[in-house]
Every structure is written in C-alpha cells, then in structure tokens.
Amino acid sequence: MEPLHKQATELLFLERDRIADGPLVVLGDQDADDAEQLHYELDPHTVRFYVRYFSDLQNYRERDLHADAAWSPAKDPEVQTVVVFLSREKDVTELRVAAAVQAFPNLKEIFLVGHNKLGAKSIHKRFAKQFDEVDKITSARHSALVRLAKPRPAASTAIDEAWRTWTLRIDGKEQTIYDLPGVFSRGELDRGSELLIQALGANEQSRVLDLGAGSGVLSLAYAQRVPNAELTLVDHDAMAVASAQKNLEAAGLTARAKAIFGDVESVRGQRYDLVISNPPFHAGSEMTTATAEKWFKAIQGLLHRGGELILVANQHLPYATPLQESFADVQTIEEDSRYRVWRARKPR
C-alpha cells in the first residue's frame, strides 16, 4: 500500500467542493481506512472504487464500500467525474487515465491527485498531448491536485499502447507475451523464472497450480512441454491476471488453463500434482518472507500425496527452515550466483 496516498486524500478533502454532483469513480490503491473516510467526506456522491489488489478488494468490501478490482472500469454512461490517485509506477497512472476515457463516454473531467514524490509535478508534461485542458488546481500536504478535461483522440488510443509485447523462447519455440504496466518482470523473462523453467524440464504432472503467476510465463512454458497438463494460474494483481488471461488466449490454452484473481485461499479444497511459483518477497518497499511462508503451509494441503512444490527465490532469502517445517523432503535442484530453485515433496 502506498502511504503517500493519505496526504493526497487529505488534499482531496480540502477541494471536495470542486467535484461536481453525480456518480464518482475513484481509481487507485488507497488504504481502506482512507477510502472509507473519502466515501463519507464526498457524501452525497455515489462513490465506486476500483482497486488493483485482491487484499485491497477484501478490505474495501469489509467496510461496505462499493468496490471492484479491475485494470479497466466497467462502461457507464452516467459517470462524468473520475478521481485517479497517482501510482509510483507512472505507466500505471497513464493506463488508469486511458481506461477512464474509454469506459466513460460522457466523461467531463478527471482529477489527478498525488504526492509530489509520485510525480505530481510532471503531470502537465505527461498529459498535455492527450487533453486540451490540464489545469493545476492546488497544492498542499506535499501533494497536488490537477484537473484533466476535453480528451483528444490520443487519450482514447492510449489504452492500446499500454500493452507491451515481447517474445518468450522455450525449447526453440517462440511465444508472444502480452503484459500490462506494473506486472512483474514486464517486457522480459527474469533470470529467476528462466532458472525455474530449466528445472521443470523433467516434470510431467497433470494438475498444476502456478501461484503468483504474473503474466503466466511459467505456465506457458510448462504447457508447451506437457500437452495434457491442466493449469490454474493465481495472482493477487488484477493487471497480472488480465495479462495472463490474454496470454492463455493467444496461446490457445483456455480449454486447459484458467487465470484466477485471488490468493492461495482462493483454491482451498483443490488438489494438485505440482505447484510452481516465483513468490513475492516485497510489501511496498519492505522485504518480507511472510507471504511465501504462508504459502508453504497452505500448499502442503493443496498437494496430492507425492506432489511437489518447485519454486525459485533469491539466494539470500531464508526459505530452508520454513520449507522444512511444511515438507519432509526439501532439496536444491538448480542454482546460480543469484537464485536458487527449491523442490519440496509431500510424502506418499
């Protein structure tokens, strides 16, 4: 979660009278407490929030906020005003603006709000070619509020330009990969995933879970090697899930592979022969192994007897002990100077 959003939210409170009456859509990744306060401060507006991450969606809905998680809002001709919170990733902000223009045909204005550290000072330069009106409303709380109005044709086509394509080469075959801004290892195969793909060469399991799937490159590689495998891809990031779904469709895999927006709890009760993962180890700017350790405990219950977890991790991450606490047989099966591929087996 981006802590700088709190100050931007406070600035929006100060200028709430500038927001016209009617339904309001808010795109961003605010803390749920800030979003709840914004919901009440903007009364009597009907506020609909679009967030990116599964945990945020759960937190918003626990507070009875009208929220969805999607990289692009549902089309709605009644929406005339949108608020976009700046993301630390500038191309994510640009994608959200483009998605708003495409989704709301009667859109009159977009309010961009964010902390100066998130690029508030460069908004005019970034959007001057897409909108006739780019007006700075005010600055306070180390943040800025900017109004965009009268979108040009370039604003409508920007959403298509947000997709990046690159080529994945596996065993001499090529696959075009599509991914959206903010997705892990966008535009290239990261070395950790490459090492894990190498380690998967001898595996031929039929039911496979790709946990933290990102754009789906691990599943695409596995599906190419094991034509009869059924794959389930899970990720907590709506942009990653949209990217994975597009890649499954492009590869003709939708009959035997599906992408799910959720977390490890979303597949509770299912059983798999193999789980593959390149688990995250950052929460914001903090390094943590908490997510991976939670996954290890849950995965043990998701595997058939004799099933395997194969994961890749940076060499410095202390995964040996938590893996051994959940699995009887833990081995290193591939490594280089930066990464290690672990295999953990469930006893038969």
Protein backbone atom coordinates (compact mmCIF):
# COMPACT_ATOMS: atom_id res chain seq x y z
CA MET A 1 0.00 0.00 0.00
CA GLU A 2 1.27 3.48 -0.83
CA PRO A 3 1.46 5.53 2.44
CA LEU A 4 1.79 8.77 0.50
CA HIS A 5 -1.85 8.42 -0.59
CA LYS A 6 -3.01 9.58 2.85
CA GLN A 7 -1.71 13.11 2.29
CA ALA A 8 -3.19 13.18 -1.20
CA THR A 9 -6.54 12.08 0.24
CA GLU A 10 -6.42 14.94 2.74
CA LEU A 11 -5.82 17.38 -0.14
CA LEU A 12 -8.83 15.98 -1.96
CA PHE A 13 -10.95 16.58 1.15
CA LEU A 14 -9.95 20.24 1.11
CA GLU A 15 -11.05 20.62 -2.52
CA ARG A 16 -14.12 18.38 -2.50
CA ASP A 17 -16.42 21.29 -3.44
CA ARG A 18 -14.79 21.33 -6.88
CA ILE A 19 -16.16 17.86 -7.63
CA ALA A 20 -19.47 18.08 -9.48
CA ASP A 21 -22.56 16.25 -8.25
CA GLY A 22 -23.27 12.79 -9.57
CA PRO A 23 -21.68 9.34 -9.53
CA LEU A 24 -17.95 9.36 -8.91
CA VAL A 25 -15.36 6.70 -9.78
CA VAL A 26 -12.07 6.53 -7.85
CA LEU A 27 -9.13 4.62 -9.35
CA GLY A 28 -6.17 3.91 -7.10
CA ASP A 29 -4.70 1.88 -4.27
CA GLN A 30 -5.59 3.82 -1.18
CA ASP A 31 -5.57 2.32 2.26
CA ALA A 32 -9.10 1.09 3.03
CA ASP A 33 -9.34 3.44 6.02
CA ASP A 34 -8.59 6.43 3.78
CA ALA A 35 -11.07 5.20 1.19
CA GLU A 36 -13.78 4.85 3.83
CA GLN A 37 -13.18 8.40 5.01
CA LEU A 38 -13.24 9.63 1.42
CA HIS A 39 -16.55 7.85 0.90
CA TYR A 40 -18.12 9.77 3.80
CA GLU A 41 -16.45 13.11 3.02
CA LEU A 42 -17.83 13.04 -0.53
CA ASP A 43 -21.40 12.36 0.56
CA PRO A 44 -23.93 12.61 -1.15
CA HIS A 45 -21.88 11.36 -4.11
CA THR A 46 -22.24 7.72 -5.09
CA VAL A 47 -18.61 6.61 -4.99
CA ARG A 48 -17.35 3.49 -6.75
CA PHE A 49 -13.77 2.39 -6.10
CA TYR A 50 -11.61 0.37 -8.48
CA VAL A 51 -8.53 -1.13 -6.86
CA ARG A 52 -5.79 -3.35 -8.16
CA TYR A 53 -5.03 -5.94 -5.48
CA PHE A 54 -7.12 -8.77 -4.07
CA SER A 55 -6.37 -7.91 -0.43
CA ASP A 56 -7.49 -4.31 -1.02
CA LEU A 57 -10.75 -5.52 -2.52
CA GLN A 58 -11.41 -7.65 0.55
CA ASN A 59 -10.62 -4.75 2.90
CA TYR A 60 -12.85 -2.33 0.99
CA ARG A 61 -15.78 -4.73 0.94
CA GLU A 62 -15.42 -5.42 4.67
CA ARG A 63 -16.17 -1.71 5.11
CA ASP A 64 -19.22 -1.97 2.82
CA LEU A 65 -17.59 0.23 0.20
CA HIS A 66 -18.73 -0.14 -3.40
CA ALA A 67 -15.53 -1.63 -4.83
CA ASP A 68 -14.25 -3.80 -7.66
CA ALA A 69 -10.77 -4.87 -8.67
CA ALA A 70 -10.10 -4.39 -12.35
CA TRP A 71 -7.47 -2.79 -14.52
CA SER A 72 -10.25 -1.19 -16.57
CA PRO A 73 -13.60 0.05 -15.15
CA ALA A 74 -16.95 -1.20 -16.38
CA LYS A 75 -18.52 1.05 -19.00
CA ASP A 76 -21.01 3.53 -17.57
CA PRO A 77 -22.53 6.47 -19.50
CA GLU A 78 -23.65 8.15 -16.26
CA VAL A 79 -20.15 8.73 -14.90
CA GLN A 80 -18.87 12.22 -15.65
CA THR A 81 -16.18 12.63 -12.99
CA VAL A 82 -13.23 10.38 -12.10
CA VAL A 83 -10.52 10.69 -9.46
CA VAL A 84 -7.20 8.95 -10.19
CA PHE A 85 -4.62 8.58 -7.44
CA LEU A 86 -1.08 8.73 -8.77
CA SER A 87 0.82 5.46 -8.71
CA ARG A 88 4.53 5.15 -8.03
CA GLU A 89 4.61 3.48 -11.46
CA LYS A 90 3.88 6.29 -13.91
CA ASP A 91 2.67 3.98 -16.65
CA VAL A 92 0.04 2.58 -14.27
CA THR A 93 -1.30 6.12 -13.75
CA GLU A 94 -1.37 6.67 -17.51
CA LEU A 95 -3.20 3.38 -18.04
CA ARG A 96 -5.86 4.30 -15.48
CA VAL A 97 -6.46 7.65 -17.15
CA ALA A 98 -6.76 5.96 -20.56
CA ALA A 99 -9.11 3.32 -19.14
CA ALA A 100 -11.35 6.03 -17.67
CA VAL A 101 -11.58 7.84 -21.02
CA GLN A 102 -12.53 4.60 -22.76
CA ALA A 103 -15.04 3.42 -20.14
CA PHE A 104 -17.00 6.64 -19.62
CA PRO A 105 -18.26 8.18 -22.90
CA ASN A 106 -19.75 11.22 -21.14
CA LEU A 107 -16.69 11.93 -19.03
CA LYS A 108 -16.23 15.65 -18.33
CA GLU A 109 -13.19 15.72 -16.05
CA ILE A 110 -10.55 13.64 -14.36
CA PHE A 111 -8.94 14.79 -11.14
CA LEU A 112 -5.40 13.51 -10.69
CA VAL A 113 -4.22 13.69 -7.11
CA GLY A 114 -0.98 12.53 -5.59
CA HIS A 115 2.10 13.21 -3.54
CA ASN A 116 4.94 15.17 -5.14
CA LYS A 117 7.18 12.11 -4.70
CA LEU A 118 4.88 10.20 -7.05
CA GLY A 119 5.39 12.61 -9.93
CA ALA A 120 2.70 15.22 -9.29
CA LYS A 121 4.93 17.97 -10.67
CA SER A 122 5.24 16.30 -14.09
CA ILE A 123 1.52 15.76 -14.76
CA HIS A 124 1.18 18.64 -17.24
CA LYS A 125 4.04 17.36 -19.35
CA ARG A 126 2.72 13.79 -19.32
CA PHE A 127 -0.87 14.58 -20.32
CA ALA A 128 -0.64 17.76 -22.41
CA LYS A 129 -0.84 15.76 -25.66
CA GLN A 130 -3.94 13.85 -24.56
CA PHE A 131 -6.13 16.63 -23.11
CA ASP A 132 -6.94 20.17 -24.19
CA GLU A 133 -7.22 21.23 -20.57
CA VAL A 134 -4.59 20.30 -17.98
CA ASP A 135 -5.07 22.66 -15.03
CA LYS A 136 -3.35 22.60 -11.67
CA ILE A 137 -6.00 23.24 -9.04
CA THR A 138 -3.96 23.44 -5.86
CA SER A 139 -1.00 22.16 -3.84
CA ALA A 140 -0.94 21.21 -0.16
CA ARG A 141 0.13 18.35 2.09
CA HIS A 142 3.18 17.92 -0.22
CA SER A 143 0.68 16.86 -2.91
CA ALA A 144 -1.00 18.33 -5.96
CA LEU A 145 -4.48 18.21 -7.49
CA VAL A 146 -4.72 18.54 -11.28
CA ARG A 147 -7.81 18.59 -13.50
CA LEU A 148 -7.84 16.96 -16.95
CA ALA A 149 -10.67 17.80 -19.36
CA LYS A 150 -11.59 17.60 -23.06
CA PRO A 151 -9.71 14.45 -24.07
CA ARG A 152 -8.15 14.36 -27.52
CA PRO A 153 -8.13 11.25 -29.77
CA ALA A 154 -4.72 10.32 -28.33
CA ALA A 155 -6.35 9.78 -24.93
CA SER A 156 -8.70 7.16 -26.37
CA THR A 157 -5.95 5.14 -28.06
CA ALA A 158 -3.51 5.26 -25.15
CA ILE A 159 -5.02 2.14 -23.62
CA ASP A 160 -3.93 0.03 -26.61
CA GLU A 161 -0.41 1.39 -26.32
CA ALA A 162 -0.25 0.28 -22.68
CA TRP A 163 0.15 -3.35 -23.69
CA ARG A 164 3.79 -4.36 -24.12
CA THR A 165 4.73 -7.39 -26.21
CA TRP A 166 7.88 -9.47 -26.17
CA THR A 167 8.98 -12.93 -27.26
CA LEU A 168 9.39 -15.90 -24.95
CA ARG A 169 11.63 -18.60 -26.38
CA ILE A 170 11.26 -22.07 -24.87
CA ASP A 171 12.91 -25.18 -26.33
CA GLY A 172 13.39 -23.44 -29.67
CA LYS A 173 9.75 -22.31 -29.93
CA GLU A 174 8.56 -18.72 -29.68
CA GLN A 175 5.51 -17.33 -27.89
CA THR A 176 4.41 -13.69 -27.92
CA ILE A 177 3.83 -12.40 -24.39
CA TYR A 178 1.50 -9.52 -23.59
CA ASP A 179 1.69 -7.63 -20.33
CA LEU A 180 0.27 -4.52 -18.72
CA PRO A 181 2.10 -1.88 -16.67
CA GLY A 182 3.14 -2.91 -13.20
CA VAL A 183 3.26 -6.64 -13.90
CA PHE A 184 6.37 -8.39 -12.54
CA SER A 185 9.30 -8.60 -14.97
CA ARG A 186 7.39 -6.71 -17.63
CA GLY A 187 8.85 -6.99 -21.10
CA GLU A 188 11.37 -9.74 -20.39
CA LEU A 189 11.98 -13.14 -18.87
CA ASP A 190 13.60 -12.56 -15.50
CA ARG A 191 16.57 -14.75 -14.58
CA GLY A 192 14.79 -16.42 -11.66
CA SER A 193 11.91 -17.60 -13.85
CA GLU A 194 14.36 -18.72 -16.52
CA LEU A 195 16.15 -20.89 -13.97
CA LEU A 196 12.86 -22.37 -12.74
CA ILE A 197 11.81 -23.20 -16.32
CA GLN A 198 15.10 -25.05 -16.76
CA ALA A 199 14.38 -27.05 -13.61
CA LEU A 200 10.92 -28.03 -14.87
CA GLY A 201 12.32 -29.98 -17.77
CA ALA A 202 11.80 -33.48 -16.33
CA ASN A 203 8.39 -32.92 -14.71
CA GLU A 204 5.24 -34.26 -16.32
CA GLN A 205 2.48 -33.67 -13.78
CA SER A 206 -1.14 -33.45 -14.91
CA ARG A 207 -2.69 -30.92 -12.48
CA VAL A 208 -0.56 -27.82 -11.96
CA LEU A 209 -1.01 -24.66 -9.87
CA ASP A 210 1.00 -21.57 -10.79
CA LEU A 211 0.87 -19.41 -7.67
CA GLY A 212 1.79 -15.74 -8.08
CA ALA A 213 1.62 -16.34 -11.81
CA GLY A 214 2.21 -12.79 -13.08
CA SER A 215 1.74 -12.73 -16.84
CA GLY A 216 1.78 -16.53 -16.92
CA VAL A 217 5.18 -17.29 -18.46
CA LEU A 218 5.86 -20.29 -16.20
CA SER A 219 2.54 -21.87 -17.15
CA LEU A 220 3.06 -21.16 -20.84
CA ALA A 221 6.44 -22.87 -20.72
CA TYR A 222 5.05 -25.85 -18.81
CA ALA A 223 2.04 -26.21 -21.11
CA GLN A 224 4.34 -26.30 -24.12
CA ARG A 225 6.32 -29.19 -22.63
CA VAL A 226 3.37 -31.14 -21.18
CA PRO A 227 0.48 -31.01 -23.69
CA ASN A 228 -2.01 -32.79 -21.40
CA ALA A 229 -1.44 -30.69 -18.29
CA GLU A 230 -4.31 -28.75 -16.73
CA LEU A 231 -3.15 -25.45 -15.26
CA THR A 232 -4.59 -22.99 -12.76
CA LEU A 233 -2.89 -19.59 -12.55
CA VAL A 234 -3.50 -17.43 -9.48
CA ASP A 235 -2.37 -13.86 -8.84
CA HIS A 236 -3.47 -11.07 -6.47
CA ASP A 237 -2.88 -8.32 -9.06
CA ALA A 238 -5.76 -7.58 -11.46
CA MET A 239 -3.29 -6.33 -14.08
CA ALA A 240 -1.31 -9.57 -13.88
CA VAL A 241 -4.46 -11.69 -14.21
CA ALA A 242 -5.60 -9.70 -17.26
CA SER A 243 -2.16 -10.20 -18.80
CA ALA A 244 -2.16 -13.93 -18.03
CA GLN A 245 -5.64 -14.37 -19.49
CA LYS A 246 -4.64 -12.60 -22.69
CA ASN A 247 -1.56 -14.83 -22.98
CA LEU A 248 -3.57 -18.01 -22.43
CA GLU A 249 -5.99 -16.93 -25.16
CA ALA A 250 -3.15 -16.07 -27.56
CA ALA A 251 -1.56 -19.48 -26.96
CA GLY A 252 -4.85 -21.35 -27.44
CA LEU A 253 -4.76 -22.74 -23.90
CA THR A 254 -8.09 -21.64 -22.46
CA ALA A 255 -9.53 -25.18 -22.72
CA ARG A 256 -6.98 -26.47 -20.19
CA ALA A 257 -5.77 -23.39 -18.33
CA LYS A 258 -7.50 -20.63 -16.37
CA ALA A 259 -6.34 -17.45 -14.62
CA ILE A 260 -7.87 -16.60 -11.22
CA PHE A 261 -7.82 -13.29 -9.39
CA GLY A 262 -7.18 -14.17 -5.75
CA ASP A 263 -4.64 -15.70 -3.38
CA VAL A 264 -3.74 -19.14 -2.05
CA GLU A 265 -7.06 -19.28 -0.16
CA SER A 266 -8.92 -18.98 -3.47
CA VAL A 267 -8.00 -22.58 -4.37
CA ARG A 268 -8.55 -24.10 -0.93
CA GLY A 269 -10.07 -27.57 -1.28
CA GLN A 270 -8.41 -28.24 -4.64
CA ARG A 271 -5.64 -30.79 -5.15
CA TYR A 272 -2.64 -30.56 -7.46
CA ASP A 273 0.27 -32.73 -8.54
CA LEU A 274 2.62 -29.79 -8.86
CA VAL A 275 2.78 -26.20 -7.61
CA ILE A 276 5.20 -23.81 -9.32
CA SER A 277 5.97 -20.35 -8.00
CA ASN A 278 8.25 -17.35 -8.06
CA PRO A 279 6.85 -15.90 -4.81
CA PRO A 280 6.96 -12.18 -3.99
CA PHE A 281 9.17 -11.00 -1.16
CA HIS A 282 8.35 -7.30 -1.05
CA ALA A 283 5.44 -5.50 0.60
CA GLY A 284 5.81 -1.95 -0.66
CA SER A 285 9.42 -1.01 -0.01
CA GLU A 286 9.86 -3.62 2.75
CA MET A 287 11.41 -7.04 2.22
CA THR A 288 9.44 -9.86 3.83
CA THR A 289 9.17 -13.64 3.60
CA ALA A 290 5.74 -13.65 5.28
CA THR A 291 3.76 -14.24 2.08
CA ALA A 292 5.95 -17.14 0.97
CA GLU A 293 5.84 -18.75 4.42
CA LYS A 294 2.04 -18.52 4.45
CA TRP A 295 2.01 -20.14 1.02
CA PHE A 296 4.27 -23.03 2.09
CA LYS A 297 1.86 -24.03 4.85
CA ALA A 298 -1.16 -23.79 2.55
CA ILE A 299 0.50 -25.57 -0.40
CA GLN A 300 1.23 -28.63 1.72
CA GLY A 301 -2.54 -29.07 1.98
CA LEU A 302 -3.12 -28.47 -1.73
CA LEU A 303 -0.85 -31.24 -2.99
CA HIS A 304 -1.73 -34.86 -3.65
CA ARG A 305 0.45 -37.40 -1.85
CA GLY A 306 3.80 -37.40 -3.59
CA GLY A 307 3.09 -33.97 -5.07
CA GLU A 308 5.79 -31.33 -5.42
CA LEU A 309 6.34 -27.64 -4.90
CA ILE A 310 9.03 -26.16 -7.16
CA LEU A 311 9.89 -22.54 -6.52
CA VAL A 312 12.63 -20.08 -7.29
CA ALA A 313 13.95 -17.49 -4.84
CA ASN A 314 16.87 -15.15 -4.37
CA GLN A 315 19.82 -16.83 -2.71
CA HIS A 316 19.67 -14.54 0.32
CA LEU A 317 16.09 -15.42 1.27
CA PRO A 318 15.96 -17.80 4.28
CA TYR A 319 13.48 -20.32 2.91
CA ALA A 320 15.17 -23.55 4.07
CA THR A 321 13.67 -23.60 7.57
CA PRO A 322 10.03 -22.70 6.68
CA LEU A 323 10.10 -25.20 3.80
CA GLN A 324 11.40 -27.96 6.07
CA GLU A 325 8.68 -27.15 8.59
CA SER A 326 6.00 -27.88 5.96
CA PHE A 327 7.63 -30.60 3.82
CA ALA A 328 9.56 -33.78 4.59
CA ASP A 329 11.85 -33.71 1.55
CA VAL A 330 13.41 -30.34 0.60
CA GLN A 331 16.23 -30.06 -1.94
CA THR A 332 18.04 -27.52 -4.11
CA ILE A 333 17.73 -28.68 -7.72
CA GLU A 334 19.16 -25.68 -9.60
CA GLU A 335 21.05 -22.53 -8.68
CA ASP A 336 23.38 -19.80 -9.82
CA SER A 337 25.06 -16.91 -8.00
CA ARG A 338 21.77 -15.05 -7.52
CA TYR A 339 18.92 -17.58 -7.46
CA ARG A 340 18.06 -20.99 -6.10
CA VAL A 341 15.36 -23.41 -7.24
CA TRP A 342 13.88 -25.45 -4.40
CA ARG A 343 11.91 -28.69 -4.68
CA ALA A 344 9.76 -29.73 -1.74
CA ARG A 345 7.86 -33.03 -1.82
CA LYS A 346 4.84 -34.20 0.10
CA PRO A 347 5.29 -37.76 1.41
CA ARG A 348 3.36 -40.50 -0.40
